[in-house]
Structures are given as C-alpha cells and as structure tokens.
Amino acid sequence: MEWVVLVLVALGAGAFVALPRRSDARADTAAGDVIELAAERDGLLLALRELDEDAAAGRITAGDRLEGRRALGPRLREVTEALRQADALEVSR
C-alpha cells in the first residue's frame, strides 16, 4: 500500500516538473511574435530607404516615392505600435 502512494507522489511530481507552465508557453509565443514583428519592421524600413535612394538616383519620380511611402506607412505604424505594446508588457512583468 505504501508503495502505491509513493508511486502516485512520484508521478505527480514528475508531471509537475515535466509539463510546461502556461506562462512559459505564452512567453515563448510572445517572443516569437516580437521577433517576427521586428523582422517585418526592418523590411519595411529597408523598403522606405530603397524608395528614397531610388528617388535620389532618378530611377523613380517624386510622386512614385510619395505613393510608395504612403503605401508602406500605415503598416509600419501598426508594426511599431505592436512592438511598443510588447515592450510595455515586458517592462511591466
């Protein structure tokens, strides 16, 4: 009888140690999201930089540059705000 209790306690302790906690899983997911957002932001900034360089080199018109910036701007703002919110959550933890 004692060995049954011992086995149950050992199984319970093993499950507690082996299973990931929900907060750990959320932290891993959040870290992956932040990495993806940062990569997207870097890509958007690169696209803006290329628009500026193309306009400076005369490959596109100033109007094309403005249209390109207007197309990229809203998504860049969304990504930047999402990164700020993620940073605020990280600081508050």
N, C-alpha and C. Protein backbone atom coordinates (compact mmCIF):
# COMPACT_ATOMS: atom_id res chain seq x y z
N MET A 1 0.82 -1.19 0.00
CA MET A 1 0.00 0.00 0.00
C MET A 1 0.86 1.26 0.00
N GLU A 2 1.93 1.25 0.77
CA GLU A 2 2.81 2.41 0.84
C GLU A 2 3.47 2.69 -0.51
N TRP A 3 3.81 1.63 -1.21
CA TRP A 3 4.47 1.83 -2.50
C TRP A 3 3.52 2.47 -3.52
N VAL A 4 2.22 2.23 -3.42
CA VAL A 4 1.23 2.83 -4.31
C VAL A 4 1.21 4.34 -4.10
N VAL A 5 1.21 4.76 -2.84
CA VAL A 5 1.22 6.19 -2.52
C VAL A 5 2.52 6.81 -3.01
N LEU A 6 3.62 6.12 -2.82
CA LEU A 6 4.91 6.61 -3.28
C LEU A 6 4.95 6.78 -4.80
N VAL A 7 4.39 5.81 -5.53
CA VAL A 7 4.35 5.89 -6.98
C VAL A 7 3.46 7.05 -7.43
N LEU A 8 2.32 7.24 -6.78
CA LEU A 8 1.43 8.35 -7.13
C LEU A 8 2.09 9.71 -6.88
N VAL A 9 2.80 9.84 -5.79
CA VAL A 9 3.51 11.09 -5.50
C VAL A 9 4.61 11.32 -6.52
N ALA A 10 5.34 10.26 -6.88
CA ALA A 10 6.41 10.39 -7.87
C ALA A 10 5.84 10.77 -9.24
N LEU A 11 4.73 10.18 -9.63
CA LEU A 11 4.10 10.53 -10.90
C LEU A 11 3.60 11.97 -10.89
N GLY A 12 3.02 12.39 -9.81
CA GLY A 12 2.55 13.77 -9.70
C GLY A 12 3.69 14.76 -9.77
N ALA A 13 4.79 14.47 -9.07
CA ALA A 13 5.95 15.36 -9.10
C ALA A 13 6.58 15.38 -10.49
N GLY A 14 6.64 14.23 -11.14
CA GLY A 14 7.20 14.17 -12.49
C GLY A 14 6.37 14.96 -13.48
N ALA A 15 5.05 14.85 -13.36
CA ALA A 15 4.17 15.60 -14.25
C ALA A 15 4.32 17.10 -14.01
N PHE A 16 4.43 17.49 -12.76
CA PHE A 16 4.57 18.91 -12.43
C PHE A 16 5.87 19.47 -13.00
N VAL A 17 6.93 18.71 -12.92
CA VAL A 17 8.23 19.18 -13.40
C VAL A 17 8.30 19.13 -14.93
N ALA A 18 7.73 18.09 -15.53
CA ALA A 18 7.89 17.87 -16.97
C ALA A 18 6.98 18.75 -17.83
N LEU A 19 5.78 19.03 -17.38
CA LEU A 19 4.84 19.79 -18.19
C LEU A 19 5.17 21.28 -18.15
N PRO A 20 5.14 21.93 -19.31
CA PRO A 20 5.42 23.37 -19.34
C PRO A 20 4.27 24.15 -18.71
N ARG A 21 4.62 25.21 -18.07
CA ARG A 21 3.60 26.07 -17.49
C ARG A 21 3.00 26.94 -18.58
N ARG A 22 1.79 27.36 -18.40
CA ARG A 22 1.12 28.19 -19.40
C ARG A 22 1.85 29.50 -19.62
N SER A 23 2.34 30.11 -18.56
CA SER A 23 3.03 31.39 -18.71
C SER A 23 4.31 31.22 -19.52
N ASP A 24 4.99 30.09 -19.38
CA ASP A 24 6.19 29.83 -20.18
C ASP A 24 5.84 29.69 -21.65
N ALA A 25 4.76 29.00 -21.95
CA ALA A 25 4.34 28.82 -23.34
C ALA A 25 3.95 30.16 -23.94
N ARG A 26 3.24 30.99 -23.16
CA ARG A 26 2.86 32.31 -23.67
C ARG A 26 4.08 33.18 -23.89
N ALA A 27 5.06 33.09 -23.03
CA ALA A 27 6.27 33.89 -23.18
C ALA A 27 7.03 33.49 -24.44
N ASP A 28 7.10 32.18 -24.72
CA ASP A 28 7.77 31.71 -25.93
C ASP A 28 7.04 32.20 -27.18
N THR A 29 5.71 32.13 -27.15
CA THR A 29 4.92 32.59 -28.29
C THR A 29 5.09 34.09 -28.47
N ALA A 30 5.05 34.83 -27.37
CA ALA A 30 5.19 36.29 -27.45
C ALA A 30 6.57 36.66 -27.98
N ALA A 31 7.60 35.94 -27.55
CA ALA A 31 8.95 36.24 -28.04
C ALA A 31 9.05 35.98 -29.54
N GLY A 32 8.42 34.93 -30.01
CA GLY A 32 8.41 34.65 -31.45
C GLY A 32 7.68 35.73 -32.23
N ASP A 33 6.56 36.21 -31.67
CA ASP A 33 5.81 37.28 -32.33
C ASP A 33 6.63 38.56 -32.40
N VAL A 34 7.34 38.87 -31.33
CA VAL A 34 8.16 40.09 -31.31
C VAL A 34 9.28 39.98 -32.34
N ILE A 35 9.86 38.82 -32.47
CA ILE A 35 10.93 38.63 -33.46
C ILE A 35 10.38 38.81 -34.87
N GLU A 36 9.21 38.25 -35.13
CA GLU A 36 8.59 38.41 -36.45
C GLU A 36 8.25 39.86 -36.73
N LEU A 37 7.71 40.56 -35.73
CA LEU A 37 7.37 41.97 -35.91
C LEU A 37 8.62 42.81 -36.16
N ALA A 38 9.68 42.52 -35.42
CA ALA A 38 10.93 43.27 -35.61
C ALA A 38 11.49 43.03 -37.01
N ALA A 39 11.40 41.80 -37.49
CA ALA A 39 11.88 41.50 -38.84
C ALA A 39 11.03 42.21 -39.89
N GLU A 40 9.73 42.24 -39.66
CA GLU A 40 8.86 42.95 -40.61
C GLU A 40 9.16 44.45 -40.60
N ARG A 41 9.37 45.01 -39.40
CA ARG A 41 9.72 46.43 -39.31
C ARG A 41 11.02 46.72 -40.06
N ASP A 42 12.00 45.86 -39.89
CA ASP A 42 13.27 46.05 -40.59
C ASP A 42 13.07 46.02 -42.11
N GLY A 43 12.23 45.11 -42.57
CA GLY A 43 11.94 45.03 -44.01
C GLY A 43 11.23 46.27 -44.52
N LEU A 44 10.28 46.77 -43.74
CA LEU A 44 9.58 47.99 -44.14
C LEU A 44 10.51 49.20 -44.18
N LEU A 45 11.38 49.29 -43.18
CA LEU A 45 12.33 50.40 -43.16
C LEU A 45 13.30 50.31 -44.34
N LEU A 46 13.70 49.10 -44.69
CA LEU A 46 14.57 48.91 -45.85
C LEU A 46 13.86 49.34 -47.13
N ALA A 47 12.58 48.99 -47.24
CA ALA A 47 11.81 49.38 -48.42
C ALA A 47 11.69 50.90 -48.52
N LEU A 48 11.49 51.56 -47.38
CA LEU A 48 11.44 53.03 -47.38
C LEU A 48 12.78 53.63 -47.80
N ARG A 49 13.84 53.06 -47.28
CA ARG A 49 15.18 53.53 -47.63
C ARG A 49 15.45 53.36 -49.13
N GLU A 50 15.02 52.23 -49.67
CA GLU A 50 15.20 51.99 -51.10
C GLU A 50 14.39 52.97 -51.95
N LEU A 51 13.19 53.30 -51.48
CA LEU A 51 12.40 54.31 -52.19
C LEU A 51 13.13 55.64 -52.23
N ASP A 52 13.69 56.03 -51.09
CA ASP A 52 14.43 57.29 -51.03
C ASP A 52 15.66 57.27 -51.94
N GLU A 53 16.38 56.15 -51.93
CA GLU A 53 17.56 56.03 -52.78
C GLU A 53 17.20 56.03 -54.25
N ASP A 54 16.11 55.34 -54.61
CA ASP A 54 15.67 55.31 -56.00
C ASP A 54 15.25 56.70 -56.47
N ALA A 55 14.57 57.44 -55.60
CA ALA A 55 14.17 58.80 -55.97
C ALA A 55 15.39 59.70 -56.11
N ALA A 56 16.35 59.54 -55.21
CA ALA A 56 17.56 60.36 -55.27
C ALA A 56 18.38 60.05 -56.53
N ALA A 57 18.36 58.81 -56.97
CA ALA A 57 19.12 58.41 -58.16
C ALA A 57 18.35 58.69 -59.45
N GLY A 58 17.09 59.09 -59.34
CA GLY A 58 16.31 59.40 -60.52
C GLY A 58 15.64 58.20 -61.17
N ARG A 59 15.64 57.05 -60.50
CA ARG A 59 15.01 55.86 -61.06
C ARG A 59 13.49 55.91 -60.95
N ILE A 60 12.98 56.66 -59.97
CA ILE A 60 11.53 56.84 -59.82
C ILE A 60 11.26 58.33 -59.62
N THR A 61 10.03 58.72 -59.85
CA THR A 61 9.67 60.13 -59.68
C THR A 61 9.36 60.41 -58.22
N ALA A 62 9.29 61.68 -57.89
CA ALA A 62 8.95 62.07 -56.53
C ALA A 62 7.53 61.60 -56.18
N GLY A 63 6.65 61.61 -57.16
CA GLY A 63 5.29 61.13 -56.94
C GLY A 63 5.25 59.64 -56.63
N ASP A 64 6.06 58.88 -57.35
CA ASP A 64 6.14 57.44 -57.08
C ASP A 64 6.69 57.18 -55.68
N ARG A 65 7.68 57.96 -55.29
CA ARG A 65 8.26 57.84 -53.96
C ARG A 65 7.20 58.12 -52.90
N LEU A 66 6.43 59.17 -53.09
CA LEU A 66 5.38 59.53 -52.15
C LEU A 66 4.31 58.45 -52.07
N GLU A 67 3.91 57.92 -53.21
CA GLU A 67 2.92 56.83 -53.22
C GLU A 67 3.44 55.60 -52.47
N GLY A 68 4.70 55.27 -52.71
CA GLY A 68 5.30 54.13 -52.03
C GLY A 68 5.35 54.32 -50.53
N ARG A 69 5.72 55.52 -50.10
CA ARG A 69 5.78 55.81 -48.67
C ARG A 69 4.39 55.77 -48.04
N ARG A 70 3.39 56.27 -48.79
CA ARG A 70 2.02 56.23 -48.28
C ARG A 70 1.51 54.79 -48.18
N ALA A 71 1.95 53.94 -49.07
CA ALA A 71 1.53 52.54 -49.03
C ALA A 71 2.18 51.79 -47.87
N LEU A 72 3.42 52.11 -47.57
CA LEU A 72 4.15 51.40 -46.50
C LEU A 72 3.89 51.98 -45.12
N GLY A 73 3.57 53.25 -45.05
CA GLY A 73 3.43 53.95 -43.78
C GLY A 73 2.45 53.34 -42.80
N PRO A 74 1.21 53.05 -43.21
CA PRO A 74 0.25 52.51 -42.25
C PRO A 74 0.70 51.18 -41.62
N ARG A 75 1.26 50.29 -42.43
CA ARG A 75 1.71 49.00 -41.88
C ARG A 75 2.90 49.22 -40.94
N LEU A 76 3.78 50.15 -41.28
CA LEU A 76 4.92 50.43 -40.41
C LEU A 76 4.43 50.97 -39.07
N ARG A 77 3.41 51.81 -39.08
CA ARG A 77 2.86 52.33 -37.83
C ARG A 77 2.24 51.21 -37.00
N GLU A 78 1.51 50.29 -37.65
CA GLU A 78 0.90 49.16 -36.93
C GLU A 78 1.97 48.29 -36.27
N VAL A 79 3.00 47.98 -37.02
CA VAL A 79 4.07 47.11 -36.51
C VAL A 79 4.81 47.81 -35.36
N THR A 80 5.09 49.09 -35.53
CA THR A 80 5.81 49.84 -34.50
C THR A 80 4.97 49.91 -33.22
N GLU A 81 3.68 50.13 -33.35
CA GLU A 81 2.81 50.19 -32.17
C GLU A 81 2.73 48.83 -31.49
N ALA A 82 2.65 47.77 -32.26
CA ALA A 82 2.62 46.42 -31.67
C ALA A 82 3.92 46.13 -30.92
N LEU A 83 5.05 46.56 -31.47
CA LEU A 83 6.33 46.37 -30.77
C LEU A 83 6.38 47.20 -29.49
N ARG A 84 5.85 48.41 -29.53
CA ARG A 84 5.82 49.23 -28.31
C ARG A 84 4.96 48.58 -27.24
N GLN A 85 3.81 48.04 -27.63
CA GLN A 85 2.95 47.38 -26.66
C GLN A 85 3.62 46.15 -26.08
N ALA A 86 4.30 45.39 -26.91
CA ALA A 86 5.01 44.21 -26.43
C ALA A 86 6.12 44.61 -25.47
N ASP A 87 6.80 45.70 -25.77
CA ASP A 87 7.85 46.19 -24.89
C ASP A 87 7.27 46.66 -23.56
N ALA A 88 6.12 47.32 -23.61
CA ALA A 88 5.47 47.78 -22.38
C ALA A 88 5.05 46.60 -21.52
N LEU A 89 4.57 45.53 -22.16
CA LEU A 89 4.21 44.33 -21.40
C LEU A 89 5.43 43.68 -20.77
N GLU A 90 6.52 43.67 -21.49
CA GLU A 90 7.76 43.07 -20.98
C GLU A 90 8.28 43.85 -19.79
N VAL A 91 8.19 45.16 -19.85
CA VAL A 91 8.68 46.00 -18.76
C VAL A 91 7.82 45.83 -17.53
N SER A 92 6.50 45.64 -17.72
CA SER A 92 5.59 45.52 -16.59
C SER A 92 5.69 44.17 -15.88
N ARG A 93 6.33 43.20 -16.49
CA ARG A 93 6.45 41.87 -15.86
C ARG A 93 7.49 41.84 -14.80
